[in-house]
Amino acid sequence: MPSAFVIIHCDPAETYYVIRNLKYIPEVKTADDVFGYYEVVCKVEASTQKELEKIITNSIRKVQHIISTMTLTVIDGQG
């Protein structure tokens, strides 16, 4: 199953809002507050790579207060 970690830079005052709204997206399996340049990291799973890309582009990146994202796609079969 294709999956990715999406690292999110958002308005620090709106971190709770962003996490709460990410958790409404069924494919988002976890969403956590982190320290550093980025405020949130979430894990996303989908049935296909194309669906994963669609969720990240059309759902996650559309959440209000997100400034930028970085996607780390998991390589199946490694480790």
PDB file of N, CA and C in Angstrom:
ATOM      1  N   MET A   1       0.847  -1.176   0.000  1.00  0.00           N
ATOM      2  CA  MET A   1       0.000   0.000   0.000  1.00  0.00           C
ATOM      3  C   MET A   1       0.894   1.240   0.000  1.00  0.00           C
ATOM      4  N   PRO A   2       0.763   2.116  -0.978  1.00  0.00           N
ATOM      5  CA  PRO A   2       1.571   3.327  -1.027  1.00  0.00           C
ATOM      6  C   PRO A   2       1.331   4.212   0.196  1.00  0.00           C
ATOM      7  N   SER A   3       2.416   4.753   0.718  1.00  0.00           N
ATOM      8  CA  SER A   3       2.300   5.656   1.862  1.00  0.00           C
ATOM      9  C   SER A   3       3.378   6.723   1.795  1.00  0.00           C
ATOM     10  N   ALA A   4       3.157   7.782   2.550  1.00  0.00           N
ATOM     11  CA  ALA A   4       4.112   8.888   2.581  1.00  0.00           C
ATOM     12  C   ALA A   4       3.984   9.617   3.906  1.00  0.00           C
ATOM     13  N   PHE A   5       5.081  10.267   4.281  1.00  0.00           N
ATOM     14  CA  PHE A   5       5.051  11.194   5.404  1.00  0.00           C
ATOM     15  C   PHE A   5       5.034  12.590   4.802  1.00  0.00           C
ATOM     16  N   VAL A   6       4.120  13.421   5.260  1.00  0.00           N
ATOM     17  CA  VAL A   6       4.031  14.792   4.779  1.00  0.00           C
ATOM     18  C   VAL A   6       4.432  15.695   5.942  1.00  0.00           C
ATOM     19  N   ILE A   7       5.497  16.465   5.715  1.00  0.00           N
ATOM     20  CA  ILE A   7       6.017  17.384   6.707  1.00  0.00           C
ATOM     21  C   ILE A   7       5.422  18.752   6.382  1.00  0.00           C
ATOM     22  N   ILE A   8       4.808  19.389   7.376  1.00  0.00           N
ATOM     23  CA  ILE A   8       4.020  20.594   7.115  1.00  0.00           C
ATOM     24  C   ILE A   8       4.543  21.792   7.903  1.00  0.00           C
ATOM     25  N   HIS A   9       4.738  22.894   7.177  1.00  0.00           N
ATOM     26  CA  HIS A   9       5.056  24.178   7.790  1.00  0.00           C
ATOM     27  C   HIS A   9       3.764  24.981   7.758  1.00  0.00           C
ATOM     28  N   CYS A  10       3.312  25.393   8.922  1.00  0.00           N
ATOM     29  CA  CYS A  10       2.071  26.154   9.008  1.00  0.00           C
ATOM     30  C   CYS A  10       2.246  27.311   9.983  1.00  0.00           C
ATOM     31  N   ASP A  11       1.243  28.149  10.068  1.00  0.00           N
ATOM     32  CA  ASP A  11       1.243  29.224  11.057  1.00  0.00           C
ATOM     33  C   ASP A  11       1.289  28.565  12.436  1.00  0.00           C
ATOM     34  N   PRO A  12       2.340  28.803  13.235  1.00  0.00           N
ATOM     35  CA  PRO A  12       2.465  28.126  14.531  1.00  0.00           C
ATOM     36  C   PRO A  12       1.257  28.315  15.450  1.00  0.00           C
ATOM     37  N   ALA A  13       0.591  29.430  15.334  1.00  0.00           N
ATOM     38  CA  ALA A  13      -0.592  29.676  16.164  1.00  0.00           C
ATOM     39  C   ALA A  13      -1.784  28.829  15.727  1.00  0.00           C
ATOM     40  N   GLU A  14      -1.706  28.224  14.539  1.00  0.00           N
ATOM     41  CA  GLU A  14      -2.819  27.441  13.988  1.00  0.00           C
ATOM     42  C   GLU A  14      -2.498  25.956  13.886  1.00  0.00           C
ATOM     43  N   THR A  15      -1.460  25.504  14.578  1.00  0.00           N
ATOM     44  CA  THR A  15      -1.066  24.096  14.509  1.00  0.00           C
ATOM     45  C   THR A  15      -2.208  23.169  14.914  1.00  0.00           C
ATOM     46  N   TYR A  16      -2.886  23.482  16.011  1.00  0.00           N
ATOM     47  CA  TYR A  16      -3.996  22.628  16.464  1.00  0.00           C
ATOM     48  C   TYR A  16      -5.087  22.558  15.397  1.00  0.00           C
ATOM     49  N   TYR A  17      -5.412  23.683  14.775  1.00  0.00           N
ATOM     50  CA  TYR A  17      -6.421  23.725  13.721  1.00  0.00           C
ATOM     51  C   TYR A  17      -6.027  22.806  12.563  1.00  0.00           C
ATOM     52  N   VAL A  18      -4.757  22.898  12.143  1.00  0.00           N
ATOM     53  CA  VAL A  18      -4.273  22.095  11.018  1.00  0.00           C
ATOM     54  C   VAL A  18      -4.354  20.612  11.359  1.00  0.00           C
ATOM     55  N   ILE A  19      -3.861  20.225  12.537  1.00  0.00           N
ATOM     56  CA  ILE A  19      -3.902  18.809  12.936  1.00  0.00           C
ATOM     57  C   ILE A  19      -5.338  18.303  13.000  1.00  0.00           C
ATOM     58  N   ARG A  20      -6.209  19.075  13.606  1.00  0.00           N
ATOM     59  CA  ARG A  20      -7.616  18.670  13.729  1.00  0.00           C
ATOM     60  C   ARG A  20      -8.231  18.441  12.356  1.00  0.00           C
ATOM     61  N   ASN A  21      -7.938  19.318  11.395  1.00  0.00           N
ATOM     62  CA  ASN A  21      -8.519  19.180  10.061  1.00  0.00           C
ATOM     63  C   ASN A  21      -7.876  18.052   9.258  1.00  0.00           C
ATOM     64  N   LEU A  22      -6.596  17.799   9.465  1.00  0.00           N
ATOM     65  CA  LEU A  22      -5.958  16.661   8.803  1.00  0.00           C
ATOM     66  C   LEU A  22      -6.598  15.350   9.237  1.00  0.00           C
ATOM     67  N   LYS A  23      -6.984  15.261  10.501  1.00  0.00           N
ATOM     68  CA  LYS A  23      -7.560  14.014  11.017  1.00  0.00           C
ATOM     69  C   LYS A  23      -8.941  13.716  10.447  1.00  0.00           C
ATOM     70  N   TYR A  24      -9.569  14.695   9.779  1.00  0.00           N
ATOM     71  CA  TYR A  24     -10.847  14.459   9.091  1.00  0.00           C
ATOM     72  C   TYR A  24     -10.643  13.770   7.737  1.00  0.00           C
ATOM     73  N   ILE A  25      -9.407  13.752   7.247  1.00  0.00           N
ATOM     74  CA  ILE A  25      -9.109  13.104   5.965  1.00  0.00           C
ATOM     75  C   ILE A  25      -8.850  11.629   6.251  1.00  0.00           C
ATOM     76  N   PRO A  26      -9.693  10.714   5.761  1.00  0.00           N
ATOM     77  CA  PRO A  26      -9.581   9.293   6.127  1.00  0.00           C
ATOM     78  C   PRO A  26      -8.221   8.661   5.836  1.00  0.00           C
ATOM     79  N   GLU A  27      -7.546   9.108   4.806  1.00  0.00           N
ATOM     80  CA  GLU A  27      -6.260   8.517   4.438  1.00  0.00           C
ATOM     81  C   GLU A  27      -5.108   8.988   5.329  1.00  0.00           C
ATOM     82  N   VAL A  28      -5.331  10.032   6.102  1.00  0.00           N
ATOM     83  CA  VAL A  28      -4.326  10.503   7.060  1.00  0.00           C
ATOM     84  C   VAL A  28      -4.419   9.609   8.294  1.00  0.00           C
ATOM     85  N   LYS A  29      -3.391   8.805   8.501  1.00  0.00           N
ATOM     86  CA  LYS A  29      -3.396   7.825   9.593  1.00  0.00           C
ATOM     87  C   LYS A  29      -2.902   8.417  10.903  1.00  0.00           C
ATOM     88  N   THR A  30      -1.961   9.350  10.853  1.00  0.00           N
ATOM     89  CA  THR A  30      -1.490  10.055  12.045  1.00  0.00           C
ATOM     90  C   THR A  30      -1.199  11.501  11.673  1.00  0.00           C
ATOM     91  N   ALA A  31      -1.308  12.385  12.637  1.00  0.00           N
ATOM     92  CA  ALA A  31      -0.935  13.788  12.468  1.00  0.00           C
ATOM     93  C   ALA A  31      -0.454  14.277  13.827  1.00  0.00           C
ATOM     94  N   ASP A  32       0.813  14.708  13.874  1.00  0.00           N
ATOM     95  CA  ASP A  32       1.418  15.082  15.152  1.00  0.00           C
ATOM     96  C   ASP A  32       2.150  16.409  15.068  1.00  0.00           C
ATOM     97  N   ASP A  33       2.153  17.120  16.186  1.00  0.00           N
ATOM     98  CA  ASP A  33       2.899  18.361  16.366  1.00  0.00           C
ATOM     99  C   ASP A  33       4.367  18.004  16.598  1.00  0.00           C
ATOM    100  N   VAL A  34       5.286  18.706  15.939  1.00  0.00           N
ATOM    101  CA  VAL A  34       6.715  18.435  16.105  1.00  0.00           C
ATOM    102  C   VAL A  34       7.469  19.748  16.316  1.00  0.00           C
ATOM    103  N   PHE A  35       8.677  19.642  16.875  1.00  0.00           N
ATOM    104  CA  PHE A  35       9.554  20.796  17.057  1.00  0.00           C
ATOM    105  C   PHE A  35      10.437  20.964  15.839  1.00  0.00           C
ATOM    106  N   GLY A  36      10.856  22.190  15.567  1.00  0.00           N
ATOM    107  CA  GLY A  36      11.765  22.460  14.461  1.00  0.00           C
ATOM    108  C   GLY A  36      11.136  23.429  13.476  1.00  0.00           C
ATOM    109  N   TYR A  37      11.698  23.484  12.266  1.00  0.00           N
ATOM    110  CA  TYR A  37      11.190  24.383  11.228  1.00  0.00           C
ATOM    111  C   TYR A  37       9.752  24.033  10.845  1.00  0.00           C
ATOM    112  N   TYR A  38       9.438  22.758  10.822  1.00  0.00           N
ATOM    113  CA  TYR A  38       8.089  22.310  10.491  1.00  0.00           C
ATOM    114  C   TYR A  38       7.283  22.127  11.770  1.00  0.00           C
ATOM    115  N   GLU A  39       5.979  22.293  11.667  1.00  0.00           N
ATOM    116  CA  GLU A  39       5.116  22.192  12.848  1.00  0.00           C
ATOM    117  C   GLU A  39       4.366  20.862  12.948  1.00  0.00           C
ATOM    118  N   VAL A  40       4.119  20.214  11.804  1.00  0.00           N
ATOM    119  CA  VAL A  40       3.275  19.013  11.791  1.00  0.00           C
ATOM    120  C   VAL A  40       3.899  17.965  10.877  1.00  0.00           C
ATOM    121  N   VAL A  41       3.786  16.697  11.279  1.00  0.00           N
ATOM    122  CA  VAL A  41       4.131  15.586  10.396  1.00  0.00           C
ATOM    123  C   VAL A  41       2.935  14.642  10.390  1.00  0.00           C
ATOM    124  N   CYS A  42       2.550  14.172   9.211  1.00  0.00           N
ATOM    125  CA  CYS A  42       1.439  13.220   9.139  1.00  0.00           C
ATOM    126  C   CYS A  42       1.815  12.069   8.217  1.00  0.00           C
ATOM    127  N   LYS A  43       1.206  10.927   8.497  1.00  0.00           N
ATOM    128  CA  LYS A  43       1.394   9.746   7.651  1.00  0.00           C
ATOM    129  C   LYS A  43       0.122   9.535   6.848  1.00  0.00           C
ATOM    130  N   VAL A  44       0.308   9.324   5.553  1.00  0.00           N
ATOM    131  CA  VAL A  44      -0.817   9.163   4.626  1.00  0.00           C
ATOM    132  C   VAL A  44      -0.685   7.812   3.933  1.00  0.00           C
ATOM    133  N   GLU A  45      -1.798   7.087   3.805  1.00  0.00           N
ATOM    134  CA  GLU A  45      -1.830   5.817   3.085  1.00  0.00           C
ATOM    135  C   GLU A  45      -2.965   5.850   2.075  1.00  0.00           C
ATOM    136  N   ALA A  46      -2.725   5.248   0.912  1.00  0.00           N
ATOM    137  CA  ALA A  46      -3.745   5.189  -0.137  1.00  0.00           C
ATOM    138  C   ALA A  46      -3.636   3.869  -0.876  1.00  0.00           C
ATOM    139  N   SER A  47      -4.637   3.567  -1.674  1.00  0.00           N
ATOM    140  CA  SER A  47      -4.659   2.290  -2.388  1.00  0.00           C
ATOM    141  C   SER A  47      -3.709   2.274  -3.588  1.00  0.00           C
ATOM    142  N   THR A  48      -3.446   3.444  -4.183  1.00  0.00           N
ATOM    143  CA  THR A  48      -2.521   3.535  -5.313  1.00  0.00           C
ATOM    144  C   THR A  48      -1.646   4.774  -5.161  1.00  0.00           C
ATOM    145  N   GLN A  49      -0.554   4.796  -5.902  1.00  0.00           N
ATOM    146  CA  GLN A  49       0.335   5.967  -5.878  1.00  0.00           C
ATOM    147  C   GLN A  49      -0.397   7.194  -6.402  1.00  0.00           C
ATOM    148  N   LYS A  50      -1.197   7.012  -7.436  1.00  0.00           N
ATOM    149  CA  LYS A  50      -1.959   8.122  -8.021  1.00  0.00           C
ATOM    150  C   LYS A  50      -2.938   8.701  -7.002  1.00  0.00           C
ATOM    151  N   GLU A  51      -3.602   7.829  -6.251  1.00  0.00           N
ATOM    152  CA  GLU A  51      -4.545   8.269  -5.219  1.00  0.00           C
ATOM    153  C   GLU A  51      -3.800   9.016  -4.105  1.00  0.00           C
ATOM    154  N   LEU A  52      -2.631   8.523  -3.737  1.00  0.00           N
ATOM    155  CA  LEU A  52      -1.814   9.183  -2.718  1.00  0.00           C
ATOM    156  C   LEU A  52      -1.474  10.613  -3.157  1.00  0.00           C
ATOM    157  N   GLU A  53      -1.037  10.763  -4.397  1.00  0.00           N
ATOM    158  CA  GLU A  53      -0.716  12.081  -4.930  1.00  0.00           C
ATOM    159  C   GLU A  53      -1.937  12.998  -4.925  1.00  0.00           C
ATOM    160  N   LYS A  54      -3.088  12.452  -5.280  1.00  0.00           N
ATOM    161  CA  LYS A  54      -4.334  13.228  -5.308  1.00  0.00           C
ATOM    162  C   LYS A  54      -4.708  13.717  -3.913  1.00  0.00           C
ATOM    163  N   ILE A  55      -4.593  12.861  -2.912  1.00  0.00           N
ATOM    164  CA  ILE A  55      -4.936  13.231  -1.536  1.00  0.00           C
ATOM    165  C   ILE A  55      -4.021  14.348  -1.037  1.00  0.00           C
ATOM    166  N   ILE A  56      -2.730  14.200  -1.297  1.00  0.00           N
ATOM    167  CA  ILE A  56      -1.776  15.215  -0.838  1.00  0.00           C
ATOM    168  C   ILE A  56      -2.046  16.552  -1.530  1.00  0.00           C
ATOM    169  N   THR A  57      -2.230  16.515  -2.831  1.00  0.00           N
ATOM    170  CA  THR A  57      -2.424  17.749  -3.595  1.00  0.00           C
ATOM    171  C   THR A  57      -3.792  18.388  -3.364  1.00  0.00           C
ATOM    172  N   ASN A  58      -4.844  17.579  -3.395  1.00  0.00           N
ATOM    173  CA  ASN A  58      -6.197  18.132  -3.358  1.00  0.00           C
ATOM    174  C   ASN A  58      -6.834  18.215  -1.983  1.00  0.00           C
ATOM    175  N   SER A  59      -6.289  17.518  -1.004  1.00  0.00           N
ATOM    176  CA  SER A  59      -6.894  17.549   0.337  1.00  0.00           C
ATOM    177  C   SER A  59      -5.948  18.167   1.367  1.00  0.00           C
ATOM    178  N   ILE A  60      -4.775  17.580   1.521  1.00  0.00           N
ATOM    179  CA  ILE A  60      -3.866  18.048   2.568  1.00  0.00           C
ATOM    180  C   ILE A  60      -3.405  19.480   2.303  1.00  0.00           C
ATOM    181  N   ARG A  61      -2.927  19.753   1.111  1.00  0.00           N
ATOM    182  CA  ARG A  61      -2.396  21.089   0.807  1.00  0.00           C
ATOM    183  C   ARG A  61      -3.462  22.173   0.781  1.00  0.00           C
ATOM    184  N   LYS A  62      -4.722  21.789   0.785  1.00  0.00           N
ATOM    185  CA  LYS A  62      -5.815  22.761   0.776  1.00  0.00           C
ATOM    186  C   LYS A  62      -6.240  23.174   2.190  1.00  0.00           C
ATOM    187  N   VAL A  63      -5.707  22.509   3.223  1.00  0.00           N
ATOM    188  CA  VAL A  63      -6.069  22.865   4.600  1.00  0.00           C
ATOM    189  C   VAL A  63      -5.587  24.286   4.877  1.00  0.00           C
ATOM    190  N   GLN A  64      -6.480  25.091   5.398  1.00  0.00           N
ATOM    191  CA  GLN A  64      -6.175  26.480   5.700  1.00  0.00           C
ATOM    192  C   GLN A  64      -5.017  26.588   6.695  1.00  0.00           C
ATOM    193  N   HIS A  65      -4.187  27.602   6.556  1.00  0.00           N
ATOM    194  CA  HIS A  65      -3.040  27.933   7.415  1.00  0.00           C
ATOM    195  C   HIS A  65      -1.783  27.132   7.095  1.00  0.00           C
ATOM    196  N   ILE A  66      -1.832  26.213   6.115  1.00  0.00           N
ATOM    197  CA  ILE A  66      -0.614  25.524   5.708  1.00  0.00           C
ATOM    198  C   ILE A  66       0.165  26.447   4.776  1.00  0.00           C
ATOM    199  N   ILE A  67       1.444  26.637   5.098  1.00  0.00           N
ATOM    200  CA  ILE A  67       2.309  27.511   4.307  1.00  0.00           C
ATOM    201  C   ILE A  67       3.048  26.699   3.238  1.00  0.00           C
ATOM    202  N   SER A  68       3.622  25.553   3.635  1.00  0.00           N
ATOM    203  CA  SER A  68       4.322  24.699   2.677  1.00  0.00           C
ATOM    204  C   SER A  68       4.352  23.266   3.193  1.00  0.00           C
ATOM    205  N   THR A  69       4.632  22.333   2.282  1.00  0.00           N
ATOM    206  CA  THR A  69       4.733  20.921   2.655  1.00  0.00           C
ATOM    207  C   THR A  69       5.950  20.301   1.977  1.00  0.00           C
ATOM    208  N   MET A  70       6.421  19.214   2.560  1.00  0.00           N
ATOM    209  CA  MET A  70       7.450  18.388   1.944  1.00  0.00           C
ATOM    210  C   MET A  70       6.966  16.951   2.078  1.00  0.00           C
ATOM    211  N   THR A  71       6.949  16.215   0.983  1.00  0.00           N
ATOM    212  CA  THR A  71       6.453  14.847   0.989  1.00  0.00           C
ATOM    213  C   THR A  71       7.619  13.869   0.901  1.00  0.00           C
ATOM    214  N   LEU A  72       7.625  12.902   1.813  1.00  0.00           N
ATOM    215  CA  LEU A  72       8.616  11.831   1.829  1.00  0.00           C
ATOM    216  C   LEU A  72       7.877  10.534   1.523  1.00  0.00           C
ATOM    217  N   THR A  73       8.005  10.045   0.304  1.00  0.00           N
ATOM    218  CA  THR A  73       7.303   8.843  -0.113  1.00  0.00           C
ATOM    219  C   THR A  73       8.062   7.612   0.394  1.00  0.00           C
ATOM    220  N   VAL A  74       7.341   6.686   1.013  1.00  0.00           N
ATOM    221  CA  VAL A  74       7.932   5.460   1.547  1.00  0.00           C
ATOM    222  C   VAL A  74       8.205   4.505   0.384  1.00  0.00           C
ATOM    223  N   ILE A  75       9.400   3.896   0.399  1.00  0.00           N
ATOM    224  CA  ILE A  75       9.769   2.913  -0.622  1.00  0.00           C
ATOM    225  C   ILE A  75       9.414   1.535  -0.097  1.00  0.00           C
ATOM    226  N   ASP A  76       8.428   0.886  -0.698  1.00  0.00           N
ATOM    227  CA  ASP A  76       8.033  -0.462  -0.266  1.00  0.00           C
ATOM    228  C   ASP A  76       9.155  -1.464  -0.527  1.00  0.00           C
ATOM    229  N   GLY A  77       9.292  -2.406   0.379  1.00  0.00           N
ATOM    230  CA  GLY A  77      10.258  -3.473   0.195  1.00  0.00           C
ATOM    231  C   GLY A  77      11.637  -3.157   0.708  1.00  0.00           C
ATOM    232  N   GLN A  78      11.841  -1.982   1.255  1.00  0.00           N
ATOM    233  CA  GLN A  78      13.151  -1.634   1.827  1.00  0.00           C
ATOM    234  C   GLN A  78      13.137  -1.909   3.327  1.00  0.00           C
ATOM    235  N   GLY A  79      14.173  -2.494   3.836  1.00  0.00           N
ATOM    236  CA  GLY A  79      14.310  -2.707   5.288  1.00  0.00           C
ATOM    237  C   GLY A  79      13.639  -3.861   5.759  1.00  0.00           C
TER     238      GLY A  79
END
